[in-house]
Amino acid sequence: VTGVQTCALPILEADGMVSILPNRGAVVRRFDSDEIRDRYSVRALLEGYAGELACRRDAAGVAKKLEDNCAQMKSLVARARSERLEDVVAMVENNMLFHGAILEASGSTLVARILHGLQMPVAYRLYHWREQGRRNSAFALHVRIAAAFREGQPDKVRQLLETHILETRDYLLANQGPAPAARTGRRSARKPA
């Protein structure tokens, strides 16, 4: 087991993404394509709506928060190494703050509750942000979303947020997220029954 796996396993187990089997390693849970498609499609509609609401309520205030977040993300993306879990975790946390700022500014507790239930486990977020091309694309959309807020364009904010979420969905579907039934490097002294 590598250092990254040792750090990640408790997080993944707490998230319900893996089961740690004594003397056998960890087995990863995988969402099927239909569930990924449904979760991200609904999330795209709701986040787009939340973005539109937020832009109508306080475009300039949200723009400032998102621009500050993008400045931090730019630094994280520039120095990130995919093999370093702490780099990927920092980008995931920054991404959550970006989306959280929009959701909070929307003022909709109902949308927030529904979106919370649709949130994918951390393993999927880590998987998405570990790949350089994918994180560069996501960051570029974050910059465009912040600019749409700065311009006070709620319809554009909605469209960009929907695009952003649907691109993530399509990436996960094309690459099928974390590998199913993957095992860590631990070996069992016994043969499976």
Protein backbone atom coordinates (compact mmCIF):
# COMPACT_ATOMS: atom_id res chain seq x y z
CA VAL A 1 0.00 0.00 0.00
CA THR A 2 1.41 3.39 -0.96
CA GLY A 3 1.34 6.50 1.23
CA VAL A 4 -1.41 8.01 -0.95
CA GLN A 5 -3.55 4.88 -0.52
CA THR A 6 -2.97 4.86 3.23
CA CYS A 7 -4.18 8.49 3.46
CA ALA A 8 -7.10 7.98 1.08
CA LEU A 9 -8.56 4.75 2.44
CA PRO A 10 -10.10 6.18 5.64
CA ILE A 11 -11.64 9.04 3.62
CA LEU A 12 -13.05 6.63 1.07
CA GLU A 13 -14.35 4.25 3.73
CA ALA A 14 -16.11 7.10 5.58
CA ASP A 15 -17.67 8.18 2.27
CA GLY A 16 -19.07 4.70 1.68
CA MET A 17 -16.92 4.27 -1.40
CA VAL A 18 -14.80 1.37 -0.18
CA SER A 19 -15.10 -1.49 2.20
CA ILE A 20 -11.89 -2.43 3.95
CA LEU A 21 -11.72 -6.20 4.28
CA PRO A 22 -9.33 -7.56 6.91
CA ASN A 23 -6.34 -9.25 5.28
CA ARG A 24 -7.81 -8.64 1.82
CA GLY A 25 -7.52 -4.93 1.12
CA ALA A 26 -10.21 -2.52 0.04
CA VAL A 27 -12.98 -2.97 -2.51
CA VAL A 28 -14.27 0.15 -4.28
CA ARG A 29 -18.00 0.79 -4.81
CA ARG A 30 -18.89 2.04 -8.23
CA PHE A 31 -21.97 3.97 -9.30
CA ASP A 32 -23.52 2.65 -12.49
CA SER A 33 -23.80 4.84 -15.60
CA ASP A 34 -27.49 5.55 -15.09
CA GLU A 35 -26.94 6.86 -11.58
CA ILE A 36 -24.01 9.05 -12.65
CA ARG A 37 -26.03 10.39 -15.59
CA ASP A 38 -29.08 11.11 -13.41
CA ARG A 39 -27.16 12.70 -10.55
CA TYR A 40 -25.16 15.04 -12.78
CA SER A 41 -28.05 15.89 -15.13
CA VAL A 42 -30.28 16.94 -12.23
CA ARG A 43 -27.39 18.68 -10.52
CA ALA A 44 -26.69 20.69 -13.71
CA LEU A 45 -30.25 21.99 -13.81
CA LEU A 46 -30.31 22.87 -10.12
CA GLU A 47 -26.86 24.50 -10.05
CA GLY A 48 -27.73 26.46 -13.17
CA TYR A 49 -30.90 27.68 -11.47
CA ALA A 50 -29.00 28.51 -8.27
CA GLY A 51 -26.47 30.47 -10.31
CA GLU A 52 -29.21 32.44 -12.01
CA LEU A 53 -30.81 33.25 -8.66
CA ALA A 54 -27.44 34.28 -7.17
CA CYS A 55 -26.66 36.52 -10.15
CA ARG A 56 -30.03 38.27 -9.88
CA ARG A 57 -29.56 38.77 -6.11
CA ASP A 58 -25.94 39.96 -5.92
CA ALA A 59 -23.94 39.63 -9.15
CA ALA A 60 -21.09 41.91 -8.06
CA GLY A 61 -20.71 40.34 -4.60
CA VAL A 62 -20.68 36.80 -5.96
CA ALA A 63 -18.30 37.82 -8.76
CA LYS A 64 -15.79 39.08 -6.19
CA LYS A 65 -15.95 35.82 -4.20
CA LEU A 66 -15.60 33.70 -7.33
CA GLU A 67 -12.73 35.79 -8.70
CA ASP A 68 -10.87 35.40 -5.40
CA ASN A 69 -11.55 31.66 -5.52
CA CYS A 70 -10.28 31.49 -9.11
CA ALA A 71 -7.06 33.25 -8.12
CA GLN A 72 -6.48 30.56 -5.48
CA MET A 73 -7.42 27.78 -7.89
CA LYS A 74 -5.03 29.13 -10.52
CA SER A 75 -2.17 28.71 -8.07
CA LEU A 76 -3.35 25.22 -7.04
CA VAL A 77 -3.73 24.04 -10.64
CA ALA A 78 -0.30 25.42 -11.63
CA ARG A 79 1.56 23.51 -8.94
CA ALA A 80 -0.61 20.39 -8.69
CA ARG A 81 0.83 16.94 -9.21
CA SER A 82 -1.72 14.19 -9.88
CA GLU A 83 0.19 11.68 -7.81
CA ARG A 84 0.10 13.93 -4.73
CA LEU A 85 -3.20 13.36 -2.93
CA GLU A 86 -2.86 16.58 -0.94
CA ASP A 87 -2.70 18.61 -4.19
CA VAL A 88 -5.83 16.98 -5.56
CA VAL A 89 -7.65 17.34 -2.21
CA ALA A 90 -6.79 21.07 -2.13
CA MET A 91 -8.31 21.55 -5.60
CA VAL A 92 -11.43 19.58 -4.65
CA GLU A 93 -11.87 21.71 -1.52
CA ASN A 94 -11.42 24.90 -3.55
CA ASN A 95 -13.95 23.65 -6.10
CA MET A 96 -16.45 22.97 -3.30
CA LEU A 97 -15.98 26.54 -2.04
CA PHE A 98 -16.59 27.89 -5.55
CA HIS A 99 -19.87 26.02 -5.95
CA GLY A 100 -20.81 26.65 -2.32
CA ALA A 101 -20.47 30.43 -2.77
CA ILE A 102 -22.93 30.33 -5.66
CA LEU A 103 -25.37 28.11 -3.82
CA GLU A 104 -25.24 30.26 -0.67
CA ALA A 105 -25.78 33.43 -2.67
CA SER A 106 -28.83 31.90 -4.37
CA GLY A 107 -30.66 32.04 -1.03
CA SER A 108 -32.53 28.83 -1.81
CA THR A 109 -32.44 26.37 1.08
CA LEU A 110 -34.54 23.91 -0.94
CA VAL A 111 -32.05 23.80 -3.81
CA ALA A 112 -29.20 23.48 -1.29
CA ARG A 113 -30.89 20.50 0.39
CA ILE A 114 -31.53 18.72 -2.89
CA LEU A 115 -28.02 19.35 -4.18
CA HIS A 116 -26.53 18.04 -0.95
CA GLY A 117 -28.32 14.74 -1.57
CA LEU A 118 -26.95 14.56 -5.11
CA GLN A 119 -23.33 15.18 -4.16
CA MET A 120 -21.01 12.43 -5.31
CA PRO A 121 -18.63 10.82 -2.84
CA VAL A 122 -15.19 12.35 -2.52
CA ALA A 123 -13.62 9.55 -4.59
CA TYR A 124 -15.39 10.80 -7.71
CA ARG A 125 -14.37 14.38 -7.05
CA LEU A 126 -10.76 13.29 -6.51
CA TYR A 127 -10.89 11.20 -9.68
CA HIS A 128 -12.16 14.15 -11.71
CA TRP A 129 -9.58 16.66 -10.44
CA ARG A 130 -6.53 14.37 -10.64
CA GLU A 131 -6.30 14.58 -14.45
CA GLN A 132 -4.52 17.70 -15.70
CA GLY A 133 -6.59 18.30 -18.83
CA ARG A 134 -9.82 17.88 -16.91
CA ARG A 135 -8.84 20.26 -14.11
CA ASN A 136 -7.65 22.85 -16.65
CA SER A 137 -11.00 22.65 -18.44
CA ALA A 138 -12.95 22.92 -15.17
CA PHE A 139 -10.84 25.87 -14.06
CA ALA A 140 -11.39 27.64 -17.40
CA LEU A 141 -15.14 27.29 -16.91
CA HIS A 142 -14.85 28.65 -13.36
CA VAL A 143 -13.18 31.76 -14.80
CA ARG A 144 -15.95 32.16 -17.39
CA ILE A 145 -18.65 31.70 -14.74
CA ALA A 146 -17.04 34.38 -12.55
CA ALA A 147 -16.88 36.70 -15.57
CA ALA A 148 -20.58 36.13 -16.32
CA PHE A 149 -21.37 37.14 -12.73
CA ARG A 150 -19.16 40.23 -13.13
CA GLU A 151 -21.12 41.09 -16.31
CA GLY A 152 -24.43 40.58 -14.48
CA GLN A 153 -25.70 37.99 -16.98
CA PRO A 154 -27.90 35.47 -15.12
CA ASP A 155 -28.84 33.50 -18.26
CA LYS A 156 -25.19 33.10 -19.19
CA VAL A 157 -24.35 32.06 -15.61
CA ARG A 158 -27.04 29.38 -15.81
CA GLN A 159 -25.80 28.10 -19.17
CA LEU A 160 -22.14 28.00 -18.09
CA LEU A 161 -22.90 26.20 -14.82
CA GLU A 162 -25.01 23.63 -16.64
CA THR A 163 -22.22 23.11 -19.19
CA HIS A 164 -19.65 22.80 -16.41
CA ILE A 165 -21.58 20.09 -14.55
CA LEU A 166 -22.52 18.21 -17.73
CA GLU A 167 -18.88 18.14 -18.87
CA THR A 168 -17.99 16.49 -15.57
CA ARG A 169 -20.80 13.99 -16.07
CA ASP A 170 -19.60 13.18 -19.57
CA TYR A 171 -16.00 12.76 -18.38
CA LEU A 172 -17.05 10.37 -15.61
CA LEU A 173 -19.27 8.39 -17.97
CA ALA A 174 -16.54 8.13 -20.60
CA ASN A 175 -13.96 7.07 -18.05
CA GLN A 176 -16.34 5.27 -15.66
CA GLY A 177 -14.99 6.92 -12.51
CA PRO A 178 -12.98 5.01 -9.95
CA ALA A 179 -12.34 1.43 -11.06
CA PRO A 180 -14.85 -1.13 -9.84
CA ALA A 181 -13.79 -3.76 -7.35
CA ALA A 182 -10.28 -2.33 -7.30
CA ARG A 183 -8.08 -3.68 -4.59
CA THR A 184 -5.31 -2.00 -2.73
CA GLY A 185 -1.86 -3.54 -2.71
CA ARG A 186 -2.58 -5.54 0.44
CA ARG A 187 -2.36 -9.29 0.01
CA SER A 188 -4.20 -11.91 1.93
CA ALA A 189 -2.42 -14.89 3.41
CA ARG A 190 -5.57 -16.93 2.72
CA LYS A 191 -7.12 -17.78 -0.58
CA PRO A 192 -10.64 -16.37 -1.10
CA ALA A 193 -13.42 -18.85 -0.36
